[in-house]
N, C-alpha and C. Protein backbone atom coordinates (compact mmCIF):
# COMPACT_ATOMS: atom_id res chain seq x y z
N MET A 1 187.39 -44.01 44.01
CA MET A 1 187.81 -43.49 42.54
C MET A 1 187.81 -41.70 42.55
N ARG A 2 187.01 -41.15 43.18
CA ARG A 2 186.75 -39.57 43.16
C ARG A 2 188.04 -39.16 44.01
N ASN A 3 188.72 -39.98 44.96
CA ASN A 3 189.90 -39.49 46.02
C ASN A 3 191.16 -39.70 45.09
N ASN A 4 191.15 -40.75 44.33
CA ASN A 4 192.31 -41.08 43.58
C ASN A 4 192.54 -39.87 42.43
N LYS A 5 191.51 -39.78 41.66
CA LYS A 5 191.38 -38.43 40.78
C LYS A 5 191.97 -37.18 41.40
N SER A 6 191.03 -36.77 42.38
CA SER A 6 191.39 -35.43 43.11
C SER A 6 192.99 -35.50 43.72
N MET A 7 193.48 -36.31 43.88
CA MET A 7 194.98 -36.53 44.81
C MET A 7 195.89 -35.56 43.89
N PRO A 8 195.88 -35.85 42.74
CA PRO A 8 196.83 -35.43 41.96
C PRO A 8 196.61 -33.89 41.64
N LEU A 9 195.72 -33.43 41.88
CA LEU A 9 195.18 -32.25 41.40
C LEU A 9 195.54 -31.34 43.01
N VAL A 10 195.25 -31.81 44.00
CA VAL A 10 195.81 -31.23 45.20
C VAL A 10 196.96 -31.12 45.46
N LEU A 11 198.08 -32.15 45.19
CA LEU A 11 199.44 -32.21 44.91
C LEU A 11 199.83 -31.30 43.64
N ILE A 12 199.53 -30.88 42.85
CA ILE A 12 200.04 -30.17 41.94
C ILE A 12 199.65 -28.34 42.39
N ALA A 13 198.47 -28.57 43.04
CA ALA A 13 198.33 -26.99 43.82
C ALA A 13 199.14 -26.80 44.66
N ALA A 14 199.45 -27.72 45.74
CA ALA A 14 200.76 -27.44 46.81
C ALA A 14 202.00 -27.20 46.07
N LEU A 15 202.67 -27.96 44.94
CA LEU A 15 203.45 -27.61 44.51
C LEU A 15 204.08 -26.21 44.10
N LEU A 16 202.66 -25.83 43.37
CA LEU A 16 202.47 -24.66 42.56
C LEU A 16 202.28 -23.40 43.56
N THR A 17 201.99 -23.52 44.78
CA THR A 17 202.13 -22.66 46.00
C THR A 17 203.63 -22.65 46.49
N VAL A 18 204.20 -23.83 46.59
CA VAL A 18 205.43 -23.53 47.09
C VAL A 18 206.53 -22.98 46.16
N ILE A 19 205.95 -23.34 44.96
CA ILE A 19 206.95 -22.36 43.94
C ILE A 19 206.57 -21.05 43.89
N GLY A 20 205.28 -20.57 43.89
CA GLY A 20 204.96 -19.11 43.88
C GLY A 20 205.24 -18.84 45.05
N LEU A 21 205.65 -19.32 46.33
CA LEU A 21 205.79 -18.73 47.84
C LEU A 21 207.67 -18.28 47.61
N GLY A 22 208.14 -19.46 46.79
CA GLY A 22 209.66 -19.23 46.94
C GLY A 22 210.17 -18.09 45.92
N ALA A 23 209.18 -17.73 44.89
CA ALA A 23 209.60 -16.78 43.85
C ALA A 23 209.18 -15.48 44.57
N LEU A 24 208.00 -15.50 45.28
CA LEU A 24 207.38 -13.90 45.77
C LEU A 24 208.86 -13.50 47.05
N GLY A 25 209.19 -14.46 47.60
CA GLY A 25 210.19 -14.64 48.69
C GLY A 25 211.16 -14.18 48.42
N ALA A 26 211.88 -14.32 47.17
CA ALA A 26 212.83 -14.19 46.42
C ALA A 26 212.84 -12.47 46.07
N PHE A 27 211.72 -12.24 45.29
CA PHE A 27 211.32 -10.89 45.05
C PHE A 27 211.25 -10.01 46.17
N GLY A 28 210.56 -10.30 46.99
CA GLY A 28 210.57 -9.45 48.17
C GLY A 28 211.70 -9.20 48.95
N SER A 29 212.36 -10.42 49.35
CA SER A 29 214.03 -10.12 49.84
C SER A 29 215.00 -9.03 49.15
N GLU A 30 214.81 -8.92 47.52
CA GLU A 30 215.57 -8.32 46.90
C GLU A 30 215.25 -6.71 47.10
N LYS A 31 213.96 -6.67 47.18
CA LYS A 31 213.79 -5.27 47.51
C LYS A 31 213.92 -4.55 48.90
N ALA A 32 213.55 -5.60 49.63
CA ALA A 32 213.50 -5.16 50.94
C ALA A 32 214.87 -5.02 51.32
N TYR A 33 216.36 -5.62 50.89
CA TYR A 33 217.54 -5.43 51.26
C TYR A 33 218.29 -4.92 50.12
N ALA A 34 217.57 -3.67 49.23
CA ALA A 34 218.14 -3.21 48.36
C ALA A 34 219.36 -2.19 48.69
N CYS A 35 219.18 -2.02 50.03
CA CYS A 35 220.35 -0.81 50.55
C CYS A 35 220.64 -1.76 51.81
N SER A 36 221.87 -2.04 52.10
CA SER A 36 222.26 -2.81 53.29
C SER A 36 223.58 -2.17 53.56
N CYS A 37 223.16 -1.96 54.93
CA CYS A 37 224.51 -0.88 55.32
C CYS A 37 225.21 -1.66 56.60
N ALA A 38 226.56 -1.52 56.73
CA ALA A 38 227.26 -1.97 58.19
C ALA A 38 226.80 -1.27 59.37
N MET A 39 227.09 -2.14 60.24
CA MET A 39 226.72 -1.32 61.69
C MET A 39 227.40 0.04 61.96
N PHE A 40 226.89 0.81 62.38
CA PHE A 40 227.55 2.30 62.73
C PHE A 40 228.53 2.12 63.88
N GLU A 41 229.75 2.37 63.66
CA GLU A 41 230.97 2.48 64.68
C GLU A 41 231.24 3.46 65.34
N GLY A 42 230.74 4.52 64.87
CA GLY A 42 231.22 5.74 65.69
C GLY A 42 231.44 6.88 64.54
N TYR A 43 231.30 8.08 65.17
CA TYR A 43 231.65 9.29 64.17
C TYR A 43 233.06 9.27 64.11
N ALA A 44 234.24 8.92 65.01
CA ALA A 44 235.79 8.96 64.69
C ALA A 44 235.86 7.96 63.68
N ASP A 45 235.33 6.73 63.40
CA ASP A 45 235.54 5.76 62.12
C ASP A 45 234.89 6.32 61.09
N ALA A 46 233.95 6.86 61.27
CA ALA A 46 233.27 7.45 60.21
C ALA A 46 234.13 8.70 59.22
N LEU A 47 234.60 9.47 60.28
CA LEU A 47 235.83 10.54 59.97
C LEU A 47 236.92 10.04 59.21
N GLU A 48 237.33 8.56 59.21
CA GLU A 48 238.55 8.09 58.95
C GLU A 48 238.26 7.92 57.37
N THR A 49 237.00 7.43 57.34
CA THR A 49 236.64 6.79 55.74
C THR A 49 236.23 7.61 54.97
N SER A 50 235.63 8.92 55.45
CA SER A 50 235.33 9.87 54.48
C SER A 50 236.16 10.90 54.11
N SER A 51 236.08 11.52 53.06
CA SER A 51 237.08 12.64 52.54
C SER A 51 236.75 13.83 52.88
N HIS A 52 235.65 13.80 53.29
CA HIS A 52 234.59 15.51 53.56
C HIS A 52 233.74 15.25 54.95
N VAL A 53 233.72 15.97 56.07
CA VAL A 53 232.95 16.02 56.97
C VAL A 53 232.74 17.76 57.16
N LEU A 54 231.02 17.70 57.01
CA LEU A 54 231.19 19.13 56.99
C LEU A 54 230.06 19.52 58.10
N ASP A 55 229.99 20.77 58.70
CA ASP A 55 228.78 21.29 59.19
C ASP A 55 228.05 22.25 58.28
N ALA A 56 226.85 21.85 58.12
CA ALA A 56 226.21 22.35 56.87
C ALA A 56 225.10 22.56 56.76
N THR A 57 224.03 23.67 56.34
CA THR A 57 222.82 23.67 56.36
C THR A 57 222.30 23.58 54.69
N VAL A 58 221.36 22.76 54.29
CA VAL A 58 221.28 22.61 53.20
C VAL A 58 220.05 23.74 52.88
N VAL A 59 220.59 24.08 51.27
CA VAL A 59 219.89 25.70 50.96
C VAL A 59 218.93 24.90 49.81
N ALA A 60 219.38 23.93 48.98
CA ALA A 60 217.91 23.31 47.89
C ALA A 60 218.67 22.00 47.80
N VAL A 61 217.15 21.20 47.42
CA VAL A 61 217.51 19.92 46.70
C VAL A 61 217.00 20.14 45.40
N LYS A 62 217.80 19.59 44.34
CA LYS A 62 217.18 19.79 43.06
C LYS A 62 217.52 18.09 42.30
N GLU A 63 216.67 17.90 41.45
CA GLU A 63 216.82 16.74 40.65
C GLU A 63 218.06 16.71 39.72
N LYS A 64 219.10 16.04 39.76
CA LYS A 64 219.85 15.61 38.67
C LYS A 64 219.60 14.88 37.74
N ASN A 65 218.98 13.77 38.22
CA ASN A 65 218.90 12.84 36.75
C ASN A 65 217.64 11.78 37.16
N GLN A 66 217.51 10.73 36.65
CA GLN A 66 216.17 10.10 37.35
C GLN A 66 216.63 9.44 38.64
N GLN A 67 217.97 9.02 38.79
CA GLN A 67 218.36 8.09 39.90
C GLN A 67 219.17 8.92 41.09
N GLU A 68 219.67 10.24 40.92
CA GLU A 68 220.61 11.05 41.74
C GLU A 68 219.77 12.66 41.97
N LEU A 69 219.93 13.22 43.27
CA LEU A 69 219.55 14.56 43.65
C LEU A 69 220.84 15.25 43.83
N ASP A 70 220.94 16.70 43.42
CA ASP A 70 221.76 17.38 43.61
C ASP A 70 221.51 18.44 45.11
N VAL A 71 222.36 18.38 45.95
CA VAL A 71 222.07 19.08 47.06
C VAL A 71 222.90 20.25 47.58
N THR A 72 222.59 21.45 47.36
CA THR A 72 223.19 22.71 47.73
C THR A 72 223.40 23.21 49.17
N LEU A 73 224.40 22.78 49.64
CA LEU A 73 224.89 23.41 51.15
C LEU A 73 225.74 24.46 51.23
N SER A 74 225.23 25.45 52.18
CA SER A 74 225.74 26.43 52.95
C SER A 74 226.70 25.86 54.30
N VAL A 75 227.72 25.67 54.02
CA VAL A 75 228.99 25.07 54.69
C VAL A 75 229.48 26.12 56.05
N ALA A 76 229.27 25.84 57.27
CA ALA A 76 229.77 26.78 58.12
C ALA A 76 230.91 26.75 58.95
N ALA A 77 231.29 25.06 58.83
CA ALA A 77 232.16 24.56 59.47
C ALA A 77 232.85 23.26 58.96
N VAL A 78 234.03 22.79 59.13
CA VAL A 78 234.53 21.44 58.58
C VAL A 78 235.47 20.88 59.52
N TRP A 79 235.17 19.49 59.85
CA TRP A 79 236.05 18.67 60.77
C TRP A 79 236.91 17.96 59.61
N LYS A 80 236.88 17.91 58.07
CA LYS A 80 237.70 17.17 57.20
C LYS A 80 237.41 17.48 56.03
N GLY A 81 238.60 17.89 55.39
CA GLY A 81 238.35 18.04 53.79
C GLY A 81 238.14 19.61 53.21
N GLU A 82 238.58 19.86 52.16
CA GLU A 82 238.73 21.24 52.10
C GLU A 82 237.26 21.62 51.67
N ALA A 83 236.84 22.96 51.81
CA ALA A 83 235.53 23.65 52.04
C ALA A 83 235.40 24.83 51.66
N GLU A 84 234.21 24.89 50.76
CA GLU A 84 234.16 26.38 50.56
C GLU A 84 232.55 26.79 51.47
N HIS A 85 232.27 27.80 50.86
CA HIS A 85 231.02 28.19 51.87
C HIS A 85 229.63 27.58 51.25
N GLU A 86 229.83 27.65 49.96
CA GLU A 86 228.93 26.95 49.04
C GLU A 86 229.21 25.69 48.75
N MET A 87 228.62 24.42 48.50
CA MET A 87 229.43 23.46 47.97
C MET A 87 227.94 22.37 47.44
N GLN A 88 228.45 21.64 47.08
CA GLN A 88 227.39 20.52 46.22
C GLN A 88 227.74 18.97 46.53
N VAL A 89 226.53 18.34 46.88
CA VAL A 89 226.77 16.92 47.30
C VAL A 89 226.01 16.08 46.50
N VAL A 90 225.79 15.21 46.23
CA VAL A 90 225.02 14.29 45.20
C VAL A 90 224.63 12.89 46.14
N THR A 91 223.36 12.63 46.09
CA THR A 91 222.97 11.45 46.49
C THR A 91 221.74 10.67 45.56
N ALA A 92 221.57 9.44 45.96
CA ALA A 92 220.42 8.95 45.45
C ALA A 92 219.08 9.07 45.69
N SER A 93 218.37 9.15 44.87
CA SER A 93 216.87 9.98 44.97
C SER A 93 215.69 9.16 45.79
N ASN A 94 216.67 7.89 46.47
CA ASN A 94 215.68 7.25 47.29
C ASN A 94 216.35 6.45 48.02
N SER A 95 215.61 6.31 49.10
CA SER A 95 216.61 5.30 50.19
C SER A 95 216.97 3.83 49.79
N ALA A 96 216.01 3.09 48.69
CA ALA A 96 216.23 1.92 48.67
C ALA A 96 217.23 1.75 47.78
N SER A 97 218.02 2.97 47.16
CA SER A 97 219.31 3.02 46.54
C SER A 97 220.31 3.75 47.39
N CYS A 98 220.38 3.65 48.72
CA CYS A 98 221.10 4.02 49.81
C CYS A 98 221.00 5.73 49.65
N GLY A 99 219.92 6.49 49.03
CA GLY A 99 220.11 7.86 48.96
C GLY A 99 219.67 8.15 50.45
N TYR A 100 220.08 9.63 51.14
CA TYR A 100 219.87 10.18 52.40
C TYR A 100 218.98 11.33 51.89
N HIS A 101 218.32 11.38 52.69
CA HIS A 101 216.97 12.19 52.46
C HIS A 101 217.17 13.52 53.34
N PHE A 102 217.67 14.74 52.28
CA PHE A 102 217.96 16.07 52.93
C PHE A 102 216.61 16.70 52.79
N GLU A 103 216.72 17.65 53.63
CA GLU A 103 215.57 18.53 53.50
C GLU A 103 215.92 19.93 53.71
N ALA A 104 215.37 20.79 53.08
CA ALA A 104 215.87 22.29 52.88
C ALA A 104 215.81 22.92 54.21
N GLY A 105 216.66 23.77 54.44
CA GLY A 105 216.31 24.49 55.84
C GLY A 105 217.23 23.77 56.85
N LYS A 106 217.41 22.63 56.94
CA LYS A 106 217.88 21.97 58.05
C LYS A 106 219.59 21.52 57.95
N ARG A 107 219.94 21.49 59.04
CA ARG A 107 221.31 21.75 59.35
C ARG A 107 221.88 19.89 59.50
N TYR A 108 222.99 19.49 59.05
CA TYR A 108 223.56 18.32 59.03
C TYR A 108 225.12 18.57 59.34
N ALA A 109 225.13 17.25 59.96
CA ALA A 109 226.73 17.03 59.94
C ALA A 109 226.92 16.03 58.73
N VAL A 110 227.59 16.33 57.52
CA VAL A 110 227.71 15.60 56.11
C VAL A 110 228.65 14.80 55.81
N PHE A 111 229.00 13.69 56.22
CA PHE A 111 230.06 12.84 55.81
C PHE A 111 230.10 12.19 54.28
N ALA A 112 230.69 12.57 53.46
CA ALA A 112 230.93 12.65 51.85
C ALA A 112 232.06 11.86 51.76
N ASN A 113 232.15 11.70 50.62
CA ASN A 113 232.98 10.80 49.80
C ASN A 113 233.32 11.22 48.17
N ALA A 114 234.50 11.51 47.79
CA ALA A 114 234.79 12.55 46.91
C ALA A 114 235.14 11.10 45.77
N TYR A 115 234.28 11.30 44.61
CA TYR A 115 234.95 10.21 43.27
C TYR A 115 234.18 10.96 42.08
N ASP A 116 234.58 10.99 40.93
CA ASP A 116 234.21 10.97 39.85
C ASP A 116 233.73 12.77 40.06
N GLY A 117 234.96 13.36 40.60
CA GLY A 117 234.83 14.54 40.62
C GLY A 117 233.65 15.54 40.96
N GLU A 118 232.92 14.49 42.22
CA GLU A 118 231.61 14.85 42.74
C GLU A 118 231.96 14.49 44.38
N LEU A 119 231.13 15.34 45.39
CA LEU A 119 230.94 14.41 46.50
C LEU A 119 229.67 13.73 46.73
N HIS A 120 229.69 12.55 47.18
CA HIS A 120 228.58 11.87 47.38
C HIS A 120 228.51 11.44 49.07
N VAL A 121 226.98 11.52 49.09
CA VAL A 121 226.54 11.30 50.08
C VAL A 121 225.65 9.77 50.33
N SER A 122 225.59 8.65 51.30
CA SER A 122 224.88 7.59 51.40
C SER A 122 223.99 7.84 52.63
N LEU A 123 223.15 6.86 52.48
CA LEU A 123 222.59 6.80 53.61
C LEU A 123 223.19 5.75 54.56
N CYS A 124 223.84 5.15 54.18
CA CYS A 124 224.92 4.42 54.85
C CYS A 124 225.89 5.21 55.53
N SER A 125 226.67 6.38 55.66
CA SER A 125 227.05 7.14 56.05
C SER A 125 226.45 7.85 57.49
N ALA A 126 227.57 8.40 57.86
CA ALA A 126 227.04 8.95 59.33
C ALA A 126 226.43 10.18 59.73
N THR A 127 226.04 10.76 57.89
CA THR A 127 225.22 11.95 57.89
C THR A 127 224.14 11.76 58.95
N SER A 128 224.17 13.17 59.40
CA SER A 128 222.78 12.88 60.41
C SER A 128 222.55 14.59 60.64
N GLU A 129 221.04 14.92 60.98
CA GLU A 129 220.98 16.14 61.63
C GLU A 129 221.64 16.66 62.50
N LEU A 130 221.82 17.97 62.60
CA LEU A 130 223.01 18.34 63.28
C LEU A 130 222.20 19.50 64.53
N PHE A 131 222.19 19.37 65.93
CA PHE A 131 221.94 20.38 66.61
C PHE A 131 222.88 20.55 67.60
N ASP A 132 223.04 21.85 68.46
CA ASP A 132 224.19 22.10 68.82
C ASP A 132 224.56 21.22 70.22
N ASP A 133 223.68 20.58 70.50
CA ASP A 133 223.93 19.37 71.57
C ASP A 133 224.11 18.06 71.12
N SER A 134 224.22 17.86 69.79
CA SER A 134 224.70 16.59 69.31
C SER A 134 225.82 15.81 69.59
N PRO A 135 225.94 14.56 69.91
CA PRO A 135 226.82 13.92 70.28
C PRO A 135 228.23 13.75 69.29
N ILE A 136 228.07 14.04 68.12
CA ILE A 136 229.38 14.46 67.33
C ILE A 136 230.39 15.31 67.76
N PHE A 137 229.82 16.31 68.72
CA PHE A 137 230.70 17.61 69.40
C PHE A 137 231.18 16.76 70.29
N GLU A 138 230.96 16.07 71.05
CA GLU A 138 231.63 15.21 72.14
C GLU A 138 232.73 14.09 71.60
N GLU A 139 232.42 13.86 70.51
CA GLU A 139 233.46 12.69 69.87
C GLU A 139 234.40 13.51 68.99
N LEU A 140 234.09 13.95 68.16
CA LEU A 140 234.93 14.55 67.42
C LEU A 140 235.50 16.10 67.50
N GLY A 141 234.87 17.09 68.65
CA GLY A 141 235.21 18.29 69.03
C GLY A 141 234.21 19.36 68.04
N GLN A 142 234.86 20.35 67.93
CA GLN A 142 234.15 21.64 67.44
C GLN A 142 234.93 21.63 65.91
N PRO A 143 234.03 21.76 64.88
CA PRO A 143 234.74 22.07 63.84
C PRO A 143 235.58 22.90 63.29
N LYS A 144 236.32 23.41 62.43
CA LYS A 144 236.82 24.46 62.01
C LYS A 144 235.94 25.32 61.08
N GLU A 145 235.79 26.77 61.70
CA GLU A 145 234.81 27.46 61.09
C GLU A 145 235.76 28.35 60.00
N LEU A 146 234.71 28.13 58.56
CA LEU A 146 235.50 28.61 57.50
C LEU A 146 235.56 30.30 57.71
N ALA A 147 236.66 30.75 56.89
CA ALA A 147 236.78 32.14 56.83
C ALA A 147 235.72 32.86 56.48
N VAL A 148 235.93 34.13 56.99
CA VAL A 148 234.47 35.05 56.71
C VAL A 148 234.57 35.40 54.92
N ASP A 149 233.67 35.03 54.57
CA ASP A 149 233.28 35.37 52.78
C ASP A 149 233.16 37.07 52.61
N ARG A 150 234.44 37.34 52.14
CA ARG A 150 233.96 38.53 51.84
C ARG A 150 233.10 39.43 50.97
N ASP A 151 232.50 38.24 50.00
CA ASP A 151 231.58 38.75 49.19
C ASP A 151 230.05 39.13 49.71
N HIS A 152 230.13 38.44 50.97
CA HIS A 152 229.07 38.70 51.86
C HIS A 152 229.22 39.53 52.93
N MET A 153 228.31 40.63 53.15
CA MET A 153 228.40 41.43 54.42
C MET A 153 228.38 40.33 55.86
N ASN A 154 229.03 40.86 56.89
CA ASN A 154 229.04 40.46 58.04
C ASN A 154 228.90 38.63 58.10
N GLY A 155 230.09 38.41 57.15
CA GLY A 155 230.39 36.77 56.94
C GLY A 155 229.07 35.69 56.87
N GLU A 156 228.23 36.46 56.34
CA GLU A 156 227.09 35.41 56.31
C GLU A 156 227.18 34.39 55.26
N LEU A 157 226.49 33.11 55.90
CA LEU A 157 226.83 32.31 54.65
C LEU A 157 225.41 32.48 53.50
N LEU A 158 225.78 31.59 52.39
CA LEU A 158 224.95 31.71 51.35
C LEU A 158 223.71 31.42 52.00
N SER A 159 222.58 32.07 51.46
CA SER A 159 221.03 31.76 52.01
C SER A 159 220.42 31.51 50.65
N SER A 160 220.65 31.46 49.18
CA SER A 160 220.14 31.20 48.14
C SER A 160 220.67 30.45 47.24
N PRO A 161 220.30 29.43 46.43
CA PRO A 161 221.06 28.71 45.41
C PRO A 161 221.15 29.39 44.31
N PRO A 162 221.97 28.95 43.42
CA PRO A 162 222.75 29.39 42.33
C PRO A 162 221.41 29.75 41.27
N GLU A 163 221.51 30.84 40.61
CA GLU A 163 220.15 30.93 39.09
C GLU A 163 219.96 29.89 38.71
N GLU A 164 220.82 28.73 38.00
CA GLU A 164 220.72 27.73 37.57
C GLU A 164 220.00 26.71 38.03
N SER A 165 219.97 26.93 39.66
CA SER A 165 219.28 25.90 40.07
C SER A 165 217.78 25.72 40.23
N ASP A 166 217.47 24.66 40.08
CA ASP A 166 215.81 24.20 40.05
C ASP A 166 215.55 23.27 41.49
N PRO A 167 215.46 24.07 42.86
CA PRO A 167 214.98 23.27 43.95
C PRO A 167 213.54 22.68 43.94
N LEU A 168 213.72 21.37 44.45
CA LEU A 168 212.16 20.70 44.66
C LEU A 168 211.42 21.63 45.60
N SER A 169 210.39 21.51 45.60
CA SER A 169 209.48 22.22 45.88
C SER A 169 208.72 21.27 47.25
N PRO A 170 208.25 22.01 48.02
CA PRO A 170 207.76 21.38 49.21
C PRO A 170 207.11 20.15 49.09
N GLU A 171 205.87 20.34 47.91
CA GLU A 171 205.17 19.43 47.31
C GLU A 171 206.14 17.93 46.94
N GLN A 172 207.12 18.26 46.20
CA GLN A 172 207.88 16.99 45.55
C GLN A 172 208.65 16.45 46.72
N ILE A 173 209.08 17.38 48.00
CA ILE A 173 209.97 16.77 48.84
C ILE A 173 209.02 15.85 49.75
N LYS A 174 208.00 16.09 49.93
CA LYS A 174 206.68 15.47 50.52
C LYS A 174 206.38 14.05 49.77
N LEU A 175 206.49 14.33 48.28
CA LEU A 175 206.38 13.28 47.42
C LEU A 175 207.18 12.05 47.67
N ASN A 176 208.80 12.76 47.79
CA ASN A 176 209.65 11.72 48.32
C ASN A 176 209.36 11.15 49.25
N VAL A 177 208.86 11.58 50.17
CA VAL A 177 208.60 10.88 51.51
C VAL A 177 207.62 9.96 51.48
N SER A 178 206.80 10.24 50.66
CA SER A 178 205.44 9.31 50.45
C SER A 178 205.70 8.47 49.75
N GLU A 179 206.70 8.67 48.71
CA GLU A 179 206.66 6.98 48.12
C GLU A 179 207.99 6.47 49.09
N GLU A 180 208.46 6.55 49.66
CA GLU A 180 209.30 5.88 50.76
C GLU A 180 208.53 5.01 51.58
N GLU A 181 207.36 5.95 52.51
CA GLU A 181 206.46 5.40 53.41
C GLU A 181 205.49 4.18 52.63
N LEU A 182 205.21 4.36 50.85
CA LEU A 182 204.63 3.66 49.99
C LEU A 182 205.54 2.05 50.25
N GLN A 183 206.52 2.40 49.91
CA GLN A 183 207.51 1.18 49.86
C GLN A 183 207.51 0.36 50.72
N GLN A 184 207.56 1.03 51.96
CA GLN A 184 207.77 0.36 53.55
C GLN A 184 206.45 -0.42 53.35
N GLN A 185 205.24 0.12 53.19
CA GLN A 185 203.82 -0.55 53.58
C GLN A 185 203.92 -1.75 52.13
N LEU A 186 204.24 -1.46 51.01
CA LEU A 186 204.49 -2.50 49.99
C LEU A 186 205.21 -3.71 50.66
N ASP A 187 206.36 -3.59 51.38
CA ASP A 187 207.18 -4.61 51.91
C ASP A 187 206.49 -5.39 52.93
N THR A 188 205.77 -4.36 53.89
CA THR A 188 204.70 -5.01 54.83
C THR A 188 203.67 -5.87 54.17
N ARG A 189 203.25 -5.64 53.35
CA ARG A 189 201.95 -6.33 52.55
C ARG A 189 202.72 -7.57 52.13
N LYS A 190 203.68 -7.23 51.36
CA LYS A 190 204.52 -8.66 50.70
C LYS A 190 204.96 -9.50 52.16
N SER A 191 205.18 -9.46 53.20
CA SER A 191 205.43 -10.36 54.09
C SER A 191 204.26 -10.78 54.43
N GLN A 192 203.02 -10.04 54.71
CA GLN A 192 201.76 -10.74 55.17
C GLN A 192 201.39 -11.68 54.26
N LEU A 193 201.74 -11.09 52.82
CA LEU A 193 201.17 -12.48 51.58
C LEU A 193 202.13 -13.61 51.88
N LEU A 194 203.43 -13.64 52.43
CA LEU A 194 204.21 -14.77 52.39
C LEU A 194 203.90 -15.71 53.34
N LEU A 195 203.25 -15.22 54.51
CA LEU A 195 202.44 -15.73 55.28
C LEU A 195 201.33 -16.59 55.28
N VAL A 196 200.58 -15.86 54.17
CA VAL A 196 199.17 -16.46 53.89
C VAL A 196 199.49 -17.49 52.80
N PHE A 197 200.38 -17.29 52.19
CA PHE A 197 200.90 -18.56 50.82
C PHE A 197 201.39 -19.48 51.70
N ALA A 198 202.23 -19.53 52.93
CA ALA A 198 202.93 -20.52 53.53
C ALA A 198 201.74 -21.12 54.34
N ALA A 199 200.61 -20.82 54.87
CA ALA A 199 199.62 -21.50 55.50
C ALA A 199 198.98 -22.00 54.62
N VAL A 200 198.68 -21.82 53.48
CA VAL A 200 197.82 -22.27 52.61
C VAL A 200 198.63 -23.31 51.65
N GLY A 201 199.80 -23.32 51.71
CA GLY A 201 200.81 -24.26 51.01
C GLY A 201 200.90 -25.66 52.01
N GLY A 202 200.87 -24.88 53.44
CA GLY A 202 201.02 -26.12 54.59
C GLY A 202 199.82 -27.02 54.56
N LEU A 203 198.81 -26.38 54.53
CA LEU A 203 197.69 -27.06 54.69
C LEU A 203 197.19 -28.34 53.46
N LEU A 204 197.49 -27.74 52.02
CA LEU A 204 197.58 -28.34 51.04
C LEU A 204 198.12 -29.60 50.85
N LEU A 205 199.73 -29.32 51.54
CA LEU A 205 200.62 -30.70 51.69
C LEU A 205 199.93 -31.53 52.67
N VAL A 206 199.38 -30.95 53.58
CA VAL A 206 198.81 -31.96 54.86
C VAL A 206 197.42 -32.69 53.96
N ALA A 207 196.87 -32.01 53.38
CA ALA A 207 195.49 -32.50 52.93
C ALA A 207 196.15 -33.49 51.93
N ALA A 208 196.93 -33.42 51.38
CA ALA A 208 197.74 -34.32 49.95
C ALA A 208 198.14 -35.79 50.88
N VAL A 209 199.00 -35.34 51.85
CA VAL A 209 199.48 -36.55 52.76
C VAL A 209 198.54 -37.31 53.44
N VAL A 210 197.26 -36.80 53.79
CA VAL A 210 196.54 -37.39 54.38
C VAL A 210 195.72 -38.23 53.45
N MET A 211 195.12 -37.74 52.28
CA MET A 211 194.59 -38.37 51.20
C MET A 211 195.61 -39.76 50.80
N LEU A 212 197.14 -39.69 50.85
CA LEU A 212 197.79 -40.45 50.39
C LEU A 212 197.76 -41.88 51.40
N LEU A 213 197.64 -41.36 52.89
CA LEU A 213 197.72 -42.23 53.46
C LEU A 213 196.25 -43.13 53.46
N MET A 214 195.04 -42.49 53.31
CA MET A 214 194.06 -43.17 53.17
C MET A 214 193.80 -43.94 51.97
N ARG A 215 194.54 -43.86 50.81
CA ARG A 215 194.37 -44.69 49.86
C ARG A 215 195.45 -45.97 49.97
N ARG A 216 196.44 -45.56 50.88
CA ARG A 216 197.00 -46.86 51.00
C ARG A 216 196.49 -47.76 52.06
N ARG A 217 195.67 -47.20 52.70
CA ARG A 217 194.69 -48.07 53.44
C ARG A 217 193.96 -48.98 53.08
N ARG A 218 193.35 -48.32 52.07
CA ARG A 218 192.32 -49.32 51.35
C ARG A 218 193.01 -50.10 50.18
């Protein structure tokens, strides 16, 4: 009699475990694949699908709103699109929303697209940190240097943000990186939790089947 009474409880526990596993898996998948990018096909293809391709150094990164960042660029040369010595691009504030992580002072090959009157950069673009020996120069050749800005001696590029800009401090930039690392750790723990739920659910189902067979034999 004890086995007969406990068997429904085991079946219910197993069912709840399977349902919880499915719900957790769906939630984890949504977070892990929030930003999905197509396979990189090369800089030439990226050039064709971008409105602007720039050789630029990041002057400042500031918060535009809760979802986006404004990035001030000091542009040295251009592969595609009209450019000025100082330009602004917009990117999402986190990688889960396909935002590209720019760092002030670093040089980038910036692949951007214009819409809504702004230049937008995505994590899925070919944007990457730029060095003198980067492979982009072999594929696209040397970019066209901008004309000397007469407002700056010796044609120096702008090295400071506009007065109204409010660049992120190094501590804030580090915080953005920490948030991305935290999200990766959470995704890893969710995967581990899924495996635990799967193992427990499997054991409960096996126990329920064994008890059912024992009941039938009696």
